[in-house]
PDB file of N, CA and C in Angstrom:
ATOM      1  N   MET A   1       0.842  -1.177   0.000  1.00  0.00           N
ATOM      2  CA  MET A   1       0.000   0.000   0.000  1.00  0.00           C
ATOM      3  C   MET A   1       0.894   1.248   0.000  1.00  0.00           C
ATOM      4  N   SER A   2       0.534   2.195  -0.793  1.00  0.00           N
ATOM      5  CA  SER A   2       1.313   3.416  -0.932  1.00  0.00           C
ATOM      6  C   SER A   2       1.191   4.276   0.322  1.00  0.00           C
ATOM      7  N   ARG A   3       2.196   5.097   0.533  1.00  0.00           N
ATOM      8  CA  ARG A   3       2.167   5.984   1.705  1.00  0.00           C
ATOM      9  C   ARG A   3       1.028   6.986   1.629  1.00  0.00           C
ATOM     10  N   THR A   4       0.758   7.496   0.430  1.00  0.00           N
ATOM     11  CA  THR A   4      -0.312   8.489   0.307  1.00  0.00           C
ATOM     12  C   THR A   4      -1.677   7.873   0.552  1.00  0.00           C
ATOM     13  N   VAL A   5      -1.867   6.609   0.132  1.00  0.00           N
ATOM     14  CA  VAL A   5      -3.146   5.941   0.380  1.00  0.00           C
ATOM     15  C   VAL A   5      -3.327   5.719   1.875  1.00  0.00           C
ATOM     16  N   LEU A   6      -2.271   5.279   2.539  1.00  0.00           N
ATOM     17  CA  LEU A   6      -2.332   5.073   3.986  1.00  0.00           C
ATOM     18  C   LEU A   6      -2.575   6.399   4.708  1.00  0.00           C
ATOM     19  N   PHE A   7      -1.902   7.449   4.260  1.00  0.00           N
ATOM     20  CA  PHE A   7      -2.055   8.762   4.866  1.00  0.00           C
ATOM     21  C   PHE A   7      -3.490   9.265   4.712  1.00  0.00           C
ATOM     22  N   ARG A   8      -4.063   9.081   3.523  1.00  0.00           N
ATOM     23  CA  ARG A   8      -5.451   9.513   3.303  1.00  0.00           C
ATOM     24  C   ARG A   8      -6.429   8.690   4.124  1.00  0.00           C
ATOM     25  N   ARG A   9      -6.145   7.422   4.297  1.00  0.00           N
ATOM     26  CA  ARG A   9      -7.027   6.577   5.104  1.00  0.00           C
ATOM     27  C   ARG A   9      -7.000   7.019   6.573  1.00  0.00           C
ATOM     28  N   ILE A  10      -5.824   7.362   7.060  1.00  0.00           N
ATOM     29  CA  ILE A  10      -5.708   7.851   8.440  1.00  0.00           C
ATOM     30  C   ILE A  10      -6.450   9.172   8.602  1.00  0.00           C
ATOM     31  N   LEU A  11      -6.317  10.070   7.633  1.00  0.00           N
ATOM     32  CA  LEU A  11      -7.055  11.336   7.687  1.00  0.00           C
ATOM     33  C   LEU A  11      -8.558  11.109   7.646  1.00  0.00           C
ATOM     34  N   LEU A  12      -9.004  10.120   6.874  1.00  0.00           N
ATOM     35  CA  LEU A  12     -10.423   9.801   6.820  1.00  0.00           C
ATOM     36  C   LEU A  12     -10.926   9.307   8.175  1.00  0.00           C
ATOM     37  N   ILE A  13     -10.123   8.499   8.849  1.00  0.00           N
ATOM     38  CA  ILE A  13     -10.493   8.024  10.182  1.00  0.00           C
ATOM     39  C   ILE A  13     -10.598   9.197  11.150  1.00  0.00           C
ATOM     40  N   PHE A  14      -9.637  10.123  11.093  1.00  0.00           N
ATOM     41  CA  PHE A  14      -9.700  11.307  11.958  1.00  0.00           C
ATOM     42  C   PHE A  14     -10.923  12.157  11.643  1.00  0.00           C
ATOM     43  N   LEU A  15     -11.286  12.253  10.377  1.00  0.00           N
ATOM     44  CA  LEU A  15     -12.451  13.037   9.994  1.00  0.00           C
ATOM     45  C   LEU A  15     -13.747  12.398  10.498  1.00  0.00           C
ATOM     46  N   VAL A  16     -13.841  11.092  10.392  1.00  0.00           N
ATOM     47  CA  VAL A  16     -15.030  10.395  10.900  1.00  0.00           C
ATOM     48  C   VAL A  16     -15.123  10.552  12.413  1.00  0.00           C
ATOM     49  N   LEU A  17     -14.003  10.436  13.099  1.00  0.00           N
ATOM     50  CA  LEU A  17     -14.003  10.626  14.554  1.00  0.00           C
ATOM     51  C   LEU A  17     -14.384  12.055  14.933  1.00  0.00           C
ATOM     52  N   ALA A  18     -13.993  13.026  14.114  1.00  0.00           N
ATOM     53  CA  ALA A  18     -14.338  14.417  14.393  1.00  0.00           C
ATOM     54  C   ALA A  18     -15.837  14.642  14.301  1.00  0.00           C
ATOM     55  N   VAL A  19     -16.530  13.811  13.548  1.00  0.00           N
ATOM     56  CA  VAL A  19     -17.984  13.931  13.444  1.00  0.00           C
ATOM     57  C   VAL A  19     -18.684  13.106  14.525  1.00  0.00           C
ATOM     58  N   VAL A  20     -18.169  11.911  14.802  1.00  0.00           N
ATOM     59  CA  VAL A  20     -18.845  10.978  15.699  1.00  0.00           C
ATOM     60  C   VAL A  20     -18.641  11.316  17.177  1.00  0.00           C
ATOM     61  N   LEU A  21     -17.453  11.754  17.557  1.00  0.00           N
ATOM     62  CA  LEU A  21     -17.163  11.975  18.979  1.00  0.00           C
ATOM     63  C   LEU A  21     -18.036  13.052  19.640  1.00  0.00           C
ATOM     64  N   PRO A  22     -18.300  14.206  19.021  1.00  0.00           N
ATOM     65  CA  PRO A  22     -19.165  15.164  19.712  1.00  0.00           C
ATOM     66  C   PRO A  22     -20.605  14.669  19.849  1.00  0.00           C
ATOM     67  N   ILE A  23     -21.052  13.878  18.883  1.00  0.00           N
ATOM     68  CA  ILE A  23     -22.404  13.317  18.984  1.00  0.00           C
ATOM     69  C   ILE A  23     -22.474  12.332  20.141  1.00  0.00           C
ATOM     70  N   SER A  24     -21.485  11.457  20.250  1.00  0.00           N
ATOM     71  CA  SER A  24     -21.481  10.485  21.348  1.00  0.00           C
ATOM     72  C   SER A  24     -21.291  11.174  22.698  1.00  0.00           C
ATOM     73  N   SER A  25     -20.505  12.241  22.725  1.00  0.00           N
ATOM     74  CA  SER A  25     -20.320  12.981  23.969  1.00  0.00           C
ATOM     75  C   SER A  25     -21.637  13.611  24.425  1.00  0.00           C
ATOM     76  N   THR A  26     -22.381  14.155  23.487  1.00  0.00           N
ATOM     77  CA  THR A  26     -23.674  14.749  23.818  1.00  0.00           C
ATOM     78  C   THR A  26     -24.653  13.697  24.320  1.00  0.00           C
ATOM     79  N   ILE A  27     -24.675  12.538  23.669  1.00  0.00           N
ATOM     80  CA  ILE A  27     -25.566  11.461  24.108  1.00  0.00           C
ATOM     81  C   ILE A  27     -25.191  10.988  25.501  1.00  0.00           C
ATOM     82  N   LEU A  28     -23.900  10.839  25.773  1.00  0.00           N
ATOM     83  CA  LEU A  28     -23.468  10.417  27.113  1.00  0.00           C
ATOM     84  C   LEU A  28     -23.827  11.462  28.164  1.00  0.00           C
ATOM     85  N   PHE A  29     -23.650  12.740  27.830  1.00  0.00           N
ATOM     86  CA  PHE A  29     -23.971  13.805  28.778  1.00  0.00           C
ATOM     87  C   PHE A  29     -25.472  13.830  29.079  1.00  0.00           C
ATOM     88  N   MET A  30     -26.293  13.668  28.054  1.00  0.00           N
ATOM     89  CA  MET A  30     -27.743  13.669  28.258  1.00  0.00           C
ATOM     90  C   MET A  30     -28.193  12.432  29.040  1.00  0.00           C
ATOM     91  N   THR A  31     -27.556  11.292  28.787  1.00  0.00           N
ATOM     92  CA  THR A  31     -27.881  10.086  29.536  1.00  0.00           C
ATOM     93  C   THR A  31     -27.526  10.265  31.015  1.00  0.00           C
ATOM     94  N   GLY A  32     -26.411  10.935  31.281  1.00  0.00           N
ATOM     95  CA  GLY A  32     -26.059  11.238  32.672  1.00  0.00           C
ATOM     96  C   GLY A  32     -27.091  12.131  33.331  1.00  0.00           C
ATOM     97  N   GLY A  33     -27.633  13.085  32.587  1.00  0.00           N
ATOM     98  CA  GLY A  33     -28.700  13.940  33.128  1.00  0.00           C
ATOM     99  C   GLY A  33     -29.970  13.162  33.418  1.00  0.00           C
ATOM    100  N   ILE A  34     -30.279  12.198  32.562  1.00  0.00           N
ATOM    101  CA  ILE A  34     -31.457  11.361  32.805  1.00  0.00           C
ATOM    102  C   ILE A  34     -31.276  10.542  34.074  1.00  0.00           C
ATOM    103  N   PHE A  35     -30.079   9.973  34.248  1.00  0.00           N
ATOM    104  CA  PHE A  35     -29.830   9.195  35.458  1.00  0.00           C
ATOM    105  C   PHE A  35     -29.819  10.083  36.699  1.00  0.00           C
ATOM    106  N   THR A  36     -29.416  11.335  36.563  1.00  0.00           N
ATOM    107  CA  THR A  36     -29.477  12.260  37.688  1.00  0.00           C
ATOM    108  C   THR A  36     -30.927  12.493  38.093  1.00  0.00           C
ATOM    109  N   SER A  37     -31.812  12.648  37.114  1.00  0.00           N
ATOM    110  CA  SER A  37     -33.223  12.870  37.437  1.00  0.00           C
ATOM    111  C   SER A  37     -33.865  11.623  38.040  1.00  0.00           C
ATOM    112  N   PHE A  38     -33.340  10.439  37.733  1.00  0.00           N
ATOM    113  CA  PHE A  38     -33.838   9.216  38.345  1.00  0.00           C
ATOM    114  C   PHE A  38     -33.289   9.008  39.751  1.00  0.00           C
ATOM    115  N   GLY A  39     -32.289   9.779  40.136  1.00  0.00           N
ATOM    116  CA  GLY A  39     -31.696   9.644  41.456  1.00  0.00           C
ATOM    117  C   GLY A  39     -30.529   8.674  41.511  1.00  0.00           C
ATOM    118  N   GLU A  40     -30.045   8.237  40.365  1.00  0.00           N
ATOM    119  CA  GLU A  40     -28.907   7.319  40.292  1.00  0.00           C
ATOM    120  C   GLU A  40     -27.624   8.125  40.145  1.00  0.00           C
ATOM    121  N   SER A  41     -27.075   8.548  41.260  1.00  0.00           N
ATOM    122  CA  SER A  41     -25.918   9.435  41.200  1.00  0.00           C
ATOM    123  C   SER A  41     -24.655   8.733  40.704  1.00  0.00           C
ATOM    124  N   THR A  42     -24.509   7.453  40.993  1.00  0.00           N
ATOM    125  CA  THR A  42     -23.324   6.729  40.554  1.00  0.00           C
ATOM    126  C   THR A  42     -23.285   6.608  39.032  1.00  0.00           C
ATOM    127  N   LEU A  43     -24.397   6.212  38.438  1.00  0.00           N
ATOM    128  CA  LEU A  43     -24.445   6.098  36.985  1.00  0.00           C
ATOM    129  C   LEU A  43     -24.359   7.466  36.316  1.00  0.00           C
ATOM    130  N   ALA A  44     -24.942   8.476  36.949  1.00  0.00           N
ATOM    131  CA  ALA A  44     -24.875   9.826  36.394  1.00  0.00           C
ATOM    132  C   ALA A  44     -23.433  10.315  36.356  1.00  0.00           C
ATOM    133  N   THR A  45     -22.694  10.042  37.406  1.00  0.00           N
ATOM    134  CA  THR A  45     -21.287  10.431  37.455  1.00  0.00           C
ATOM    135  C   THR A  45     -20.483   9.674  36.409  1.00  0.00           C
ATOM    136  N   LEU A  46     -20.768   8.392  36.259  1.00  0.00           N
ATOM    137  CA  LEU A  46     -20.069   7.577  35.275  1.00  0.00           C
ATOM    138  C   LEU A  46     -20.292   8.109  33.854  1.00  0.00           C
ATOM    139  N   PHE A  47     -21.531   8.401  33.511  1.00  0.00           N
ATOM    140  CA  PHE A  47     -21.824   8.901  32.169  1.00  0.00           C
ATOM    141  C   PHE A  47     -21.284  10.314  31.958  1.00  0.00           C
ATOM    142  N   SER A  48     -21.308  11.126  32.993  1.00  0.00           N
ATOM    143  CA  SER A  48     -20.767  12.481  32.862  1.00  0.00           C
ATOM    144  C   SER A  48     -19.254  12.448  32.640  1.00  0.00           C
ATOM    145  N   ARG A  49     -18.566  11.588  33.354  1.00  0.00           N
ATOM    146  CA  ARG A  49     -17.121  11.464  33.163  1.00  0.00           C
ATOM    147  C   ARG A  49     -16.787  10.886  31.789  1.00  0.00           C
ATOM    148  N   ALA A  50     -17.600   9.940  31.328  1.00  0.00           N
ATOM    149  CA  ALA A  50     -17.391   9.398  29.985  1.00  0.00           C
ATOM    150  C   ALA A  50     -17.598  10.482  28.932  1.00  0.00           C
ATOM    151  N   ALA A  51     -18.559  11.390  29.176  1.00  0.00           N
ATOM    152  CA  ALA A  51     -18.788  12.500  28.249  1.00  0.00           C
ATOM    153  C   ALA A  51     -17.585  13.438  28.227  1.00  0.00           C
ATOM    154  N   VAL A  52     -16.999  13.678  29.375  1.00  0.00           N
ATOM    155  CA  VAL A  52     -15.807  14.537  29.432  1.00  0.00           C
ATOM    156  C   VAL A  52     -14.644  13.877  28.701  1.00  0.00           C
ATOM    157  N   VAL A  53     -14.474  12.579  28.886  1.00  0.00           N
ATOM    158  CA  VAL A  53     -13.386  11.861  28.217  1.00  0.00           C
ATOM    159  C   VAL A  53     -13.561  11.918  26.701  1.00  0.00           C
ATOM    160  N   THR A  54     -14.781  11.705  26.211  1.00  0.00           N
ATOM    161  CA  THR A  54     -14.993  11.783  24.770  1.00  0.00           C
ATOM    162  C   THR A  54     -14.802  13.208  24.256  1.00  0.00           C
ATOM    163  N   GLY A  55     -15.111  14.200  25.075  1.00  0.00           N
ATOM    164  CA  GLY A  55     -14.848  15.580  24.684  1.00  0.00           C
ATOM    165  C   GLY A  55     -13.365  15.869  24.556  1.00  0.00           C
ATOM    166  N   VAL A  56     -12.584  15.345  25.478  1.00  0.00           N
ATOM    167  CA  VAL A  56     -11.127  15.516  25.413  1.00  0.00           C
ATOM    168  C   VAL A  56     -10.561  14.777  24.195  1.00  0.00           C
ATOM    169  N   LEU A  57     -11.056  13.570  23.943  1.00  0.00           N
ATOM    170  CA  LEU A  57     -10.614  12.827  22.761  1.00  0.00           C
ATOM    171  C   LEU A  57     -10.972  13.564  21.477  1.00  0.00           C
ATOM    172  N   TRP A  58     -12.125  14.212  21.472  1.00  0.00           N
ATOM    173  CA  TRP A  58     -12.539  14.988  20.303  1.00  0.00           C
ATOM    174  C   TRP A  58     -11.580  16.156  20.063  1.00  0.00           C
ATOM    175  N   GLY A  59     -11.198  16.834  21.135  1.00  0.00           N
ATOM    176  CA  GLY A  59     -10.235  17.929  21.007  1.00  0.00           C
ATOM    177  C   GLY A  59      -8.897  17.448  20.476  1.00  0.00           C
ATOM    178  N   MET A  60      -8.426  16.322  20.990  1.00  0.00           N
ATOM    179  CA  MET A  60      -7.167  15.758  20.507  1.00  0.00           C
ATOM    180  C   MET A  60      -7.290  15.349  19.039  1.00  0.00           C
ATOM    181  N   ASP A  61      -8.439  14.807  18.671  1.00  0.00           N
ATOM    182  CA  ASP A  61      -8.663  14.399  17.292  1.00  0.00           C
ATOM    183  C   ASP A  61      -8.648  15.600  16.351  1.00  0.00           C
ATOM    184  N   LEU A  62      -9.231  16.707  16.766  1.00  0.00           N
ATOM    185  CA  LEU A  62      -9.229  17.900  15.925  1.00  0.00           C
ATOM    186  C   LEU A  62      -7.809  18.433  15.710  1.00  0.00           C
ATOM    187  N   VAL A  63      -7.002  18.406  16.755  1.00  0.00           N
ATOM    188  CA  VAL A  63      -5.615  18.857  16.629  1.00  0.00           C
ATOM    189  C   VAL A  63      -4.842  17.936  15.688  1.00  0.00           C
ATOM    190  N   LEU A  64      -5.010  16.619  15.837  1.00  0.00           N
ATOM    191  CA  LEU A  64      -4.321  15.673  14.959  1.00  0.00           C
ATOM    192  C   LEU A  64      -4.806  15.795  13.521  1.00  0.00           C
ATOM    193  N   LEU A  65      -6.089  16.056  13.339  1.00  0.00           N
ATOM    194  CA  LEU A  65      -6.617  16.255  11.989  1.00  0.00           C
ATOM    195  C   LEU A  65      -6.015  17.499  11.350  1.00  0.00           C
ATOM    196  N   LEU A  66      -5.914  18.558  12.113  1.00  0.00           N
ATOM    197  CA  LEU A  66      -5.310  19.788  11.602  1.00  0.00           C
ATOM    198  C   LEU A  66      -3.843  19.574  11.236  1.00  0.00           C
ATOM    199  N   LEU A  67      -3.099  18.899  12.105  1.00  0.00           N
ATOM    200  CA  LEU A  67      -1.696  18.614  11.809  1.00  0.00           C
ATOM    201  C   LEU A  67      -1.552  17.693  10.604  1.00  0.00           C
ATOM    202  N   GLY A  68      -2.450  16.731  10.478  1.00  0.00           N
ATOM    203  CA  GLY A  68      -2.396  15.823   9.340  1.00  0.00           C
ATOM    204  C   GLY A  68      -2.665  16.519   8.025  1.00  0.00           C
ATOM    205  N   VAL A  69      -3.637  17.415   8.021  1.00  0.00           N
ATOM    206  CA  VAL A  69      -3.933  18.163   6.797  1.00  0.00           C
ATOM    207  C   VAL A  69      -2.767  19.086   6.446  1.00  0.00           C
ATOM    208  N   ALA A  70      -2.181  19.715   7.441  1.00  0.00           N
ATOM    209  CA  ALA A  70      -1.026  20.582   7.188  1.00  0.00           C
ATOM    210  C   ALA A  70       0.155  19.777   6.661  1.00  0.00           C
ATOM    211  N   LEU A  71       0.388  18.618   7.242  1.00  0.00           N
ATOM    212  CA  LEU A  71       1.476  17.759   6.781  1.00  0.00           C
ATOM    213  C   LEU A  71       1.216  17.277   5.358  1.00  0.00           C
ATOM    214  N   GLY A  72      -0.007  16.919   5.063  1.00  0.00           N
ATOM    215  CA  GLY A  72      -0.353  16.504   3.713  1.00  0.00           C
ATOM    216  C   GLY A  72      -0.150  17.614   2.701  1.00  0.00           C
ATOM    217  N   HIS A  73      -0.469  18.830   3.106  1.00  0.00           N
ATOM    218  CA  HIS A  73      -0.253  19.973   2.224  1.00  0.00           C
ATOM    219  C   HIS A  73       1.239  20.191   1.967  1.00  0.00           C
ATOM    220  N   LEU A  74       2.040  20.045   3.012  1.00  0.00           N
ATOM    221  CA  LEU A  74       3.493  20.207   2.829  1.00  0.00           C
ATOM    222  C   LEU A  74       4.080  19.107   1.962  1.00  0.00           C
ATOM    223  N   ILE A  75       3.586  17.895   2.110  1.00  0.00           N
ATOM    224  CA  ILE A  75       4.100  16.783   1.321  1.00  0.00           C
ATOM    225  C   ILE A  75       3.772  16.983  -0.163  1.00  0.00           C
ATOM    226  N   THR A  76       2.544  17.437  -0.459  1.00  0.00           N
ATOM    227  CA  THR A  76       2.179  17.646  -1.857  1.00  0.00           C
ATOM    228  C   THR A  76       2.932  18.838  -2.441  1.00  0.00           C
ATOM    229  N   ARG A  77       3.264  19.819  -1.625  1.00  0.00           N
ATOM    230  CA  ARG A  77       4.040  20.957  -2.109  1.00  0.00           C
ATOM    231  C   ARG A  77       5.442  20.537  -2.525  1.00  0.00           C
ATOM    232  N   GLU A  78       6.061  19.623  -1.752  1.00  0.00           N
ATOM    233  CA  GLU A  78       7.414  19.170  -2.067  1.00  0.00           C
ATOM    234  C   GLU A  78       7.437  18.327  -3.336  1.00  0.00           C
ATOM    235  N   GLY A  79       6.328  17.658  -3.631  1.00  0.00           N
ATOM    236  CA  GLY A  79       6.268  16.814  -4.810  1.00  0.00           C
ATOM    237  C   GLY A  79       6.107  17.578  -6.105  1.00  0.00           C
ATOM    238  N   GLU A  80       5.804  18.864  -6.050  1.00  0.00           N
ATOM    239  CA  GLU A  80       5.591  19.656  -7.261  1.00  0.00           C
ATOM    240  C   GLU A  80       6.869  19.982  -7.973  1.00  0.00           C
TER     241      GLU A  80
END
């Protein structure tokens, strides 16, 4: 497999994660709120912390996506 194909596949994975992670974080946060209203504080805390973790992963994914796109731009510039 060529390096550019592998590089594009990795960027595609980062792009999909950039779309999926905030949606899953929102669902986890809302589920934690539902458990809070039911009086289940342990499960509410668990889901809230999972929402924070997915939010942090989303931030890291956005930074890696930005660096990957910049690196891809530099690589194509050198090939000209």
